[in-house]
C-alpha atoms as a PDB file:
ATOM      1  CA  MET A   1     -47.138  -2.055 -16.432  1.00  0.00           C
ATOM      2  CA  VAL A   2     -46.379   1.884 -16.777  1.00  0.00           C
ATOM      3  CA  LYS A   3     -44.899   1.831 -13.539  1.00  0.00           C
ATOM      4  CA  LYS A   4     -42.122  -1.281 -14.411  1.00  0.00           C
ATOM      5  CA  ARG A   5     -41.600   0.613 -17.641  1.00  0.00           C
ATOM      6  CA  ARG A   6     -40.531   3.538 -15.473  1.00  0.00           C
ATOM      7  CA  THR A   7     -38.587   1.786 -13.094  1.00  0.00           C
ATOM      8  CA  ALA A   8     -36.749   0.064 -16.036  1.00  0.00           C
ATOM      9  CA  LEU A   9     -35.772   3.147 -17.861  1.00  0.00           C
ATOM     10  CA  PHE A  10     -34.407   4.806 -14.583  1.00  0.00           C
ATOM     11  CA  GLY A  11     -32.294   1.873 -14.593  1.00  0.00           C
ATOM     12  CA  LEU A  12     -31.412   2.008 -18.085  1.00  0.00           C
ATOM     13  CA  VAL A  13     -30.577   5.789 -17.487  1.00  0.00           C
ATOM     14  CA  ALA A  14     -28.460   5.411 -14.583  1.00  0.00           C
ATOM     15  CA  ALA A  15     -26.726   2.525 -16.107  1.00  0.00           C
ATOM     16  CA  SER A  16     -25.579   4.658 -19.088  1.00  0.00           C
ATOM     17  CA  GLY A  17     -23.927   7.334 -16.977  1.00  0.00           C
ATOM     18  CA  VAL A  18     -26.622   9.957 -18.333  1.00  0.00           C
ATOM     19  CA  ILE A  19     -26.723  11.129 -14.655  1.00  0.00           C
ATOM     20  CA  GLY A  20     -23.792  13.136 -13.985  1.00  0.00           C
ATOM     21  CA  SER A  21     -23.633  12.637 -10.030  1.00  0.00           C
ATOM     22  CA  PRO A  22     -24.295   9.825  -7.588  1.00  0.00           C
ATOM     23  CA  GLY A  23     -26.199  12.622  -5.785  1.00  0.00           C
ATOM     24  CA  LEU A  24     -28.572  13.270  -8.683  1.00  0.00           C
ATOM     25  CA  ALA A  25     -29.287   9.490  -9.364  1.00  0.00           C
ATOM     26  CA  ALA A  26     -30.195   9.264  -5.586  1.00  0.00           C
ATOM     27  CA  ALA A  27     -32.872  11.907  -6.012  1.00  0.00           C
ATOM     28  CA  MET A  28     -34.718  10.383  -8.673  1.00  0.00           C
ATOM     29  CA  ARG A  29     -38.065   9.976  -6.968  1.00  0.00           C
ATOM     30  CA  ASP A  30     -41.666   9.743  -7.500  1.00  0.00           C
ATOM     31  CA  PRO A  31     -42.463  12.416  -9.659  1.00  0.00           C
ATOM     32  CA  ASP A  32     -45.615  13.285  -6.934  1.00  0.00           C
ATOM     33  CA  GLU A  33     -42.831  13.778  -4.293  1.00  0.00           C
ATOM     34  CA  THR A  34     -41.425  17.498  -3.484  1.00  0.00           C
ATOM     35  CA  LEU A  35     -37.926  18.342  -3.831  1.00  0.00           C
ATOM     36  CA  PRO A  36     -36.263  19.733  -0.846  1.00  0.00           C
ATOM     37  CA  ALA A  37     -34.069  22.906  -0.718  1.00  0.00           C
ATOM     38  CA  THR A  38     -32.062  24.938   1.889  1.00  0.00           C
ATOM     39  CA  VAL A  39     -31.650  28.842   1.257  1.00  0.00           C
ATOM     40  CA  TYR A  40     -29.565  31.050   3.648  1.00  0.00           C
ATOM     41  CA  MET A  41     -27.460  34.012   3.631  1.00  0.00           C
ATOM     42  CA  ALA A  42     -23.943  32.927   3.767  1.00  0.00           C
ATOM     43  CA  ALA A  43     -22.092  36.646   3.444  1.00  0.00           C
ATOM     44  CA  GLN A  44     -23.064  40.046   2.824  1.00  0.00           C
ATOM     45  CA  SER A  45     -23.961  39.344  -0.718  1.00  0.00           C
ATOM     46  CA  THR A  46     -23.855  35.758  -1.331  1.00  0.00           C
ATOM     47  CA  CYS A  47     -26.698  33.533  -1.265  1.00  0.00           C
ATOM     48  CA  GLN A  48     -26.423  29.539  -0.174  1.00  0.00           C
ATOM     49  CA  ILE A  49     -28.736  27.279  -1.841  1.00  0.00           C
ATOM     50  CA  SER A  50     -28.311  23.464  -1.113  1.00  0.00           C
ATOM     51  CA  PHE A  51     -30.293  20.248  -2.413  1.00  0.00           C
ATOM     52  CA  VAL A  52     -29.321  16.960  -3.149  1.00  0.00           C
ATOM     53  CA  HIS A  53     -25.789  16.943  -1.494  1.00  0.00           C
ATOM     54  CA  GLN A  54     -25.142  20.215  -3.446  1.00  0.00           C
ATOM     55  CA  THR A  55     -24.434  23.792  -2.756  1.00  0.00           C
ATOM     56  CA  PHE A  56     -24.747  26.981  -5.169  1.00  0.00           C
ATOM     57  CA  SER A  57     -23.768  29.925  -4.379  1.00  0.00           C
ATOM     58  CA  LEU A  58     -25.860  33.009  -6.123  1.00  0.00           C
ATOM     59  CA  PRO A  59     -25.285  34.706  -8.431  1.00  0.00           C
ATOM     60  CA  ALA A  60     -21.730  32.973  -9.141  1.00  0.00           C
ATOM     61  CA  ASP A  61     -23.284  29.527  -9.513  1.00  0.00           C
ATOM     62  CA  GLN A  62     -26.631  30.525 -11.523  1.00  0.00           C
ATOM     63  CA  GLU A  63     -26.070  28.445 -14.547  1.00  0.00           C
ATOM     64  CA  SER A  64     -25.210  25.402 -12.960  1.00  0.00           C
ATOM     65  CA  MET A  65     -27.857  25.621 -10.246  1.00  0.00           C
ATOM     66  CA  VAL A  66     -30.490  25.957 -13.199  1.00  0.00           C
ATOM     67  CA  ALA A  67     -28.774  23.189 -14.949  1.00  0.00           C
ATOM     68  CA  ALA A  68     -28.942  20.717 -12.077  1.00  0.00           C
ATOM     69  CA  LEU A  69     -32.705  21.858 -11.416  1.00  0.00           C
ATOM     70  CA  ARG A  70     -33.473  21.065 -15.182  1.00  0.00           C
ATOM     71  CA  LYS A  71     -31.956  17.332 -14.456  1.00  0.00           C
ATOM     72  CA  LEU A  72     -34.024  17.418 -11.286  1.00  0.00           C
ATOM     73  CA  ARG A  73     -37.359  18.503 -12.749  1.00  0.00           C
ATOM     74  CA  LYS A  74     -37.543  15.572 -14.993  1.00  0.00           C
ATOM     75  CA  HIS A  75     -38.149  13.296 -11.467  1.00  0.00           C
ATOM     76  CA  TRP A  76     -39.968  15.908  -8.821  1.00  0.00           C
ATOM     77  CA  ARG A  77     -43.003  17.768  -9.522  1.00  0.00           C
ATOM     78  CA  ALA A  78     -42.420  20.561  -7.015  1.00  0.00           C
ATOM     79  CA  LEU A  79     -39.637  22.148  -4.954  1.00  0.00           C
ATOM     80  CA  SER A  80     -40.050  23.313  -1.400  1.00  0.00           C
ATOM     81  CA  ILE A  81     -37.317  25.789  -0.516  1.00  0.00           C
ATOM     82  CA  SER A  82     -37.087  26.283   3.111  1.00  0.00           C
ATOM     83  CA  GLY A  83     -34.692  28.797   5.255  1.00  0.00           C
ATOM     84  CA  PRO A  84     -34.320  30.811   8.570  1.00  0.00           C
ATOM     85  CA  ALA A  85     -37.002  33.448   8.929  1.00  0.00           C
ATOM     86  CA  GLN A  86     -34.368  36.353   8.797  1.00  0.00           C
ATOM     87  CA  THR A  87     -33.144  35.155   5.291  1.00  0.00           C
ATOM     88  CA  PRO A  88     -33.054  38.388   2.968  1.00  0.00           C
ATOM     89  CA  TYR A  89     -35.945  38.172   0.082  1.00  0.00           C
ATOM     90  CA  LYS A  90     -32.940  38.574  -2.470  1.00  0.00           C
ATOM     91  CA  CYS A  91     -32.307  34.977  -1.735  1.00  0.00           C
ATOM     92  CA  ILE A  92     -35.685  33.664  -1.221  1.00  0.00           C
ATOM     93  CA  GLY A  93     -36.995  35.285  -4.539  1.00  0.00           C
ATOM     94  CA  GLY A  94     -33.875  34.426  -6.605  1.00  0.00           C
ATOM     95  CA  ALA A  95     -34.421  30.661  -5.688  1.00  0.00           C
ATOM     96  CA  ILE A  96     -37.984  31.035  -6.546  1.00  0.00           C
ATOM     97  CA  TYR A  97     -37.022  32.603 -10.030  1.00  0.00           C
ATOM     98  CA  LEU A  98     -34.633  30.050 -10.824  1.00  0.00           C
ATOM     99  CA  ALA A  99     -36.560  27.167  -9.782  1.00  0.00           C
ATOM    100  CA  GLN A 100     -39.395  28.553 -12.108  1.00  0.00           C
ATOM    101  CA  SER A 101     -36.802  29.312 -15.029  1.00  0.00           C
ATOM    102  CA  SER A 102     -35.606  25.612 -14.683  1.00  0.00           C
ATOM    103  CA  GLY A 103     -39.523  24.425 -15.182  1.00  0.00           C
ATOM    104  CA  PHE A 104     -40.942  23.740 -11.799  1.00  0.00           C
ATOM    105  CA  GLN A 105     -44.452  25.059 -11.600  1.00  0.00           C
ATOM    106  CA  THR A 106     -44.738  24.226  -7.939  1.00  0.00           C
ATOM    107  CA  VAL A 107     -42.434  26.176  -5.585  1.00  0.00           C
ATOM    108  CA  GLN A 108     -42.969  26.539  -1.811  1.00  0.00           C
ATOM    109  CA  PHE A 109     -41.194  28.412   0.604  1.00  0.00           C
ATOM    110  CA  LYS A 110     -41.176  27.406   4.342  1.00  0.00           C
ATOM    111  CA  ALA A 111     -39.762  29.793   6.808  1.00  0.00           C
ATOM    112  CA  GLN A 112     -37.852  28.219   9.851  1.00  0.00           C
ATOM    113  CA  THR A 113     -38.658  29.664  13.013  1.00  0.00           C
ATOM    114  CA  GLU A 114     -36.615  29.485  16.398  1.00  0.00           C
ATOM    115  CA  GLY A 115     -37.617  28.054  19.099  1.00  0.00           C
ATOM    116  CA  ARG A 116     -41.425  28.229  20.357  1.00  0.00           C
END
């Protein structure tokens, strides 16, 4: 019964236009699943973070990234960040900090290693 209500509420929210972009609407899943994100260094002082078909540059897009993560937090329990093993800590740490500031209590990081 609860599951039917949750599905009906999702349909109502999506139909009413509360969800701003099609990517955010498609990202609404079971709250037990983990939202995947990717972090990498784009330029000497710019980190790129991608999730749900959106890419944010830090520190320039910090506020918009937090706003998007807060919307997604309502539908996801955890965030899993992955990136190349050589990604600087300031990018990884910034992504983790912003995710926690957005309300995610569980944030994971997985380094992608090259060929083994």
